[in-house]
Structures are given as C-alpha cells and as structure tokens.
Amino acid sequence: MSNLLSFITSFGSSAQLRSLSPEQLRERMEQQGLSSEEISVILSGDRAAIATMVKTSGDIVCCILPDKPDDKEPDDEDEEEKDQKPQSVRVAV
C-alpha cells in the first residue's frame, strides 16, 4: 500500500489524527513519508485532487460487509453464536 493510501486509511479510522492541528498533521504526514505535494493536497481538502492522487475517479467509500453470506435464516441459537464470534472487515478503495 502506498504511503498516501496508508495515511488516508489511518486518518479515516483515527479520531486522534482528525483532531490534530494542521501543523501537527503536516508533521505526522512527513513522518509517514508523504511528499510535499501530497501533504499540500491533503491539507487543502480538495477531494478531486486527492482522488486523482490515489488514482480513483469516483467517491471513496468504505463499508463493512459480512465475511460470507448466510444461506439460511438465523435462529436464536445462531444469533447468540454470531454475537460471540469476531467479524472480519474488508476494505476496498
């Protein structure tokens, strides 16, 4: 994964990163190895330019999908087991 995409992913999942000042955010991006151009585009908030940099033409969407589809209707026992099992998460960009 590119440094840019890695940073965007961590930024989207971290309330701590989103609460940093622009100066602190710039420092964190420099530490992650982002170029000055990438840093400027992210700090500008220009969604179209960010999409161009990550080579996507549309909206970037994150969603949580089940690990595998259920073939049957869940009953009470299945629901209890489902609540106890960890769920996997897949992210696509």
C-alpha atoms as a PDB file:
ATOM      1  CA  MET A   1       0.000   0.000   0.000  1.00  0.00           C
ATOM      2  CA  SER A   2       1.337   3.450  -0.865  1.00  0.00           C
ATOM      3  CA  ASN A   3       2.269   5.885   1.896  1.00  0.00           C
ATOM      4  CA  LEU A   4      -0.554   8.163   0.768  1.00  0.00           C
ATOM      5  CA  LEU A   5      -3.202   5.459   0.852  1.00  0.00           C
ATOM      6  CA  SER A   6      -1.875   4.156   4.164  1.00  0.00           C
ATOM      7  CA  PHE A   7      -2.121   7.632   5.680  1.00  0.00           C
ATOM      8  CA  ILE A   8      -5.625   8.247   4.319  1.00  0.00           C
ATOM      9  CA  THR A   9      -6.749   4.915   5.768  1.00  0.00           C
ATOM     10  CA  SER A  10      -5.280   5.655   9.183  1.00  0.00           C
ATOM     11  CA  PHE A  11      -6.662   9.209   9.107  1.00  0.00           C
ATOM     12  CA  GLY A  12     -10.159   7.928   8.393  1.00  0.00           C
ATOM     13  CA  SER A  13     -10.053   5.455  11.270  1.00  0.00           C
ATOM     14  CA  SER A  14      -8.374   7.643  13.912  1.00  0.00           C
ATOM     15  CA  ALA A  15     -10.224  10.332  15.823  1.00  0.00           C
ATOM     16  CA  GLN A  16      -6.865  11.345  17.293  1.00  0.00           C
ATOM     17  CA  LEU A  17      -5.405  12.111  13.846  1.00  0.00           C
ATOM     18  CA  ARG A  18      -8.517  14.026  12.784  1.00  0.00           C
ATOM     19  CA  SER A  19      -8.224  16.239  15.873  1.00  0.00           C
ATOM     20  CA  LEU A  20      -4.624  17.349  15.155  1.00  0.00           C
ATOM     21  CA  SER A  21      -3.857  20.915  14.167  1.00  0.00           C
ATOM     22  CA  PRO A  22      -2.709  21.471  10.567  1.00  0.00           C
ATOM     23  CA  GLU A  23       0.897  21.842  11.774  1.00  0.00           C
ATOM     24  CA  GLN A  24       0.730  18.588  13.761  1.00  0.00           C
ATOM     25  CA  LEU A  25      -0.941  16.859  10.831  1.00  0.00           C
ATOM     26  CA  ARG A  26       1.779  18.076   8.453  1.00  0.00           C
ATOM     27  CA  GLU A  27       4.448  16.720  10.827  1.00  0.00           C
ATOM     28  CA  ARG A  28       2.699  13.333  11.025  1.00  0.00           C
ATOM     29  CA  MET A  29       2.423  13.126   7.230  1.00  0.00           C
ATOM     30  CA  GLU A  30       6.123  13.975   6.854  1.00  0.00           C
ATOM     31  CA  GLN A  31       6.942  11.183   9.318  1.00  0.00           C
ATOM     32  CA  GLN A  32       4.884   8.782   7.180  1.00  0.00           C
ATOM     33  CA  GLY A  33       6.938   9.695   4.104  1.00  0.00           C
ATOM     34  CA  LEU A  34       4.356  11.689   2.138  1.00  0.00           C
ATOM     35  CA  SER A  35       5.680  14.105  -0.466  1.00  0.00           C
ATOM     36  CA  SER A  36       5.205  17.865  -0.064  1.00  0.00           C
ATOM     37  CA  GLU A  37       2.691  17.749  -2.941  1.00  0.00           C
ATOM     38  CA  GLU A  38       0.646  15.000  -1.235  1.00  0.00           C
ATOM     39  CA  ILE A  39       0.733  16.908   2.061  1.00  0.00           C
ATOM     40  CA  SER A  40      -0.440  20.135   0.400  1.00  0.00           C
ATOM     41  CA  VAL A  41      -3.315  18.380  -1.359  1.00  0.00           C
ATOM     42  CA  ILE A  42      -4.496  16.658   1.826  1.00  0.00           C
ATOM     43  CA  LEU A  43      -4.292  19.873   3.859  1.00  0.00           C
ATOM     44  CA  SER A  44      -6.232  21.730   1.143  1.00  0.00           C
ATOM     45  CA  GLY A  45      -9.125  19.278   1.485  1.00  0.00           C
ATOM     46  CA  ASP A  46      -9.536  19.146  -2.312  1.00  0.00           C
ATOM     47  CA  ARG A  47     -11.375  15.825  -2.729  1.00  0.00           C
ATOM     48  CA  ALA A  48     -10.935  15.767  -6.518  1.00  0.00           C
ATOM     49  CA  ALA A  49      -7.171  16.255  -6.233  1.00  0.00           C
ATOM     50  CA  ILE A  50      -6.939  13.572  -3.539  1.00  0.00           C
ATOM     51  CA  ALA A  51      -8.935  11.178  -5.735  1.00  0.00           C
ATOM     52  CA  THR A  52      -6.564  11.909  -8.629  1.00  0.00           C
ATOM     53  CA  MET A  53      -3.539  11.202  -6.434  1.00  0.00           C
ATOM     54  CA  VAL A  54      -4.891   7.813  -5.325  1.00  0.00           C
ATOM     55  CA  LYS A  55      -5.881   7.115  -8.934  1.00  0.00           C
ATOM     56  CA  THR A  56      -9.620   6.820  -8.457  1.00  0.00           C
ATOM     57  CA  SER A  57     -12.244   8.624 -10.463  1.00  0.00           C
ATOM     58  CA  GLY A  58     -15.177   8.356  -8.106  1.00  0.00           C
ATOM     59  CA  ASP A  59     -16.097   8.698  -4.491  1.00  0.00           C
ATOM     60  CA  ILE A  60     -14.062   6.763  -1.976  1.00  0.00           C
ATOM     61  CA  VAL A  61     -16.479   4.642   0.025  1.00  0.00           C
ATOM     62  CA  CYS A  62     -15.871   2.380   2.997  1.00  0.00           C
ATOM     63  CA  CYS A  63     -18.339  -0.245   4.080  1.00  0.00           C
ATOM     64  CA  ILE A  64     -18.451  -3.302   6.289  1.00  0.00           C
ATOM     65  CA  LEU A  65     -19.582  -6.498   4.596  1.00  0.00           C
ATOM     66  CA  PRO A  66     -20.199  -9.896   6.181  1.00  0.00           C
ATOM     67  CA  ASP A  67     -17.343 -12.373   5.870  1.00  0.00           C
ATOM     68  CA  LYS A  68     -19.574 -14.780   3.936  1.00  0.00           C
ATOM     69  CA  PRO A  69     -23.259 -14.733   3.036  1.00  0.00           C
ATOM     70  CA  ASP A  70     -25.698 -16.628   5.229  1.00  0.00           C
ATOM     71  CA  ASP A  71     -27.545 -19.388   3.389  1.00  0.00           C
ATOM     72  CA  LYS A  72     -30.248 -19.766   5.989  1.00  0.00           C
ATOM     73  CA  GLU A  73     -32.372 -17.627   8.218  1.00  0.00           C
ATOM     74  CA  PRO A  74     -30.729 -17.144  11.610  1.00  0.00           C
ATOM     75  CA  ASP A  75     -32.484 -18.639  14.570  1.00  0.00           C
ATOM     76  CA  ASP A  76     -31.993 -17.698  18.219  1.00  0.00           C
ATOM     77  CA  GLU A  77     -29.026 -20.042  18.673  1.00  0.00           C
ATOM     78  CA  ASP A  78     -27.296 -18.741  15.531  1.00  0.00           C
ATOM     79  CA  GLU A  79     -27.746 -15.155  16.723  1.00  0.00           C
ATOM     80  CA  GLU A  80     -26.110 -15.976  20.064  1.00  0.00           C
ATOM     81  CA  GLU A  81     -23.164 -17.657  18.326  1.00  0.00           C
ATOM     82  CA  LYS A  82     -22.860 -14.787  15.852  1.00  0.00           C
ATOM     83  CA  ASP A  83     -22.644 -12.265  18.708  1.00  0.00           C
ATOM     84  CA  GLN A  84     -19.752 -14.221  20.237  1.00  0.00           C
ATOM     85  CA  LYS A  85     -17.644 -14.663  17.083  1.00  0.00           C
ATOM     86  CA  PRO A  86     -15.348 -11.894  15.843  1.00  0.00           C
ATOM     87  CA  GLN A  87     -16.362 -10.470  12.480  1.00  0.00           C
ATOM     88  CA  SER A  88     -13.865  -9.817   9.718  1.00  0.00           C
ATOM     89  CA  VAL A  89     -13.686  -6.494   7.924  1.00  0.00           C
ATOM     90  CA  ARG A  90     -12.666  -5.957   4.290  1.00  0.00           C
ATOM     91  CA  VAL A  91     -11.840  -2.540   2.868  1.00  0.00           C
ATOM     92  CA  ALA A  92     -11.834  -1.711  -0.823  1.00  0.00           C
ATOM     93  CA  VAL A  93     -10.698   1.516  -2.436  1.00  0.00           C
END
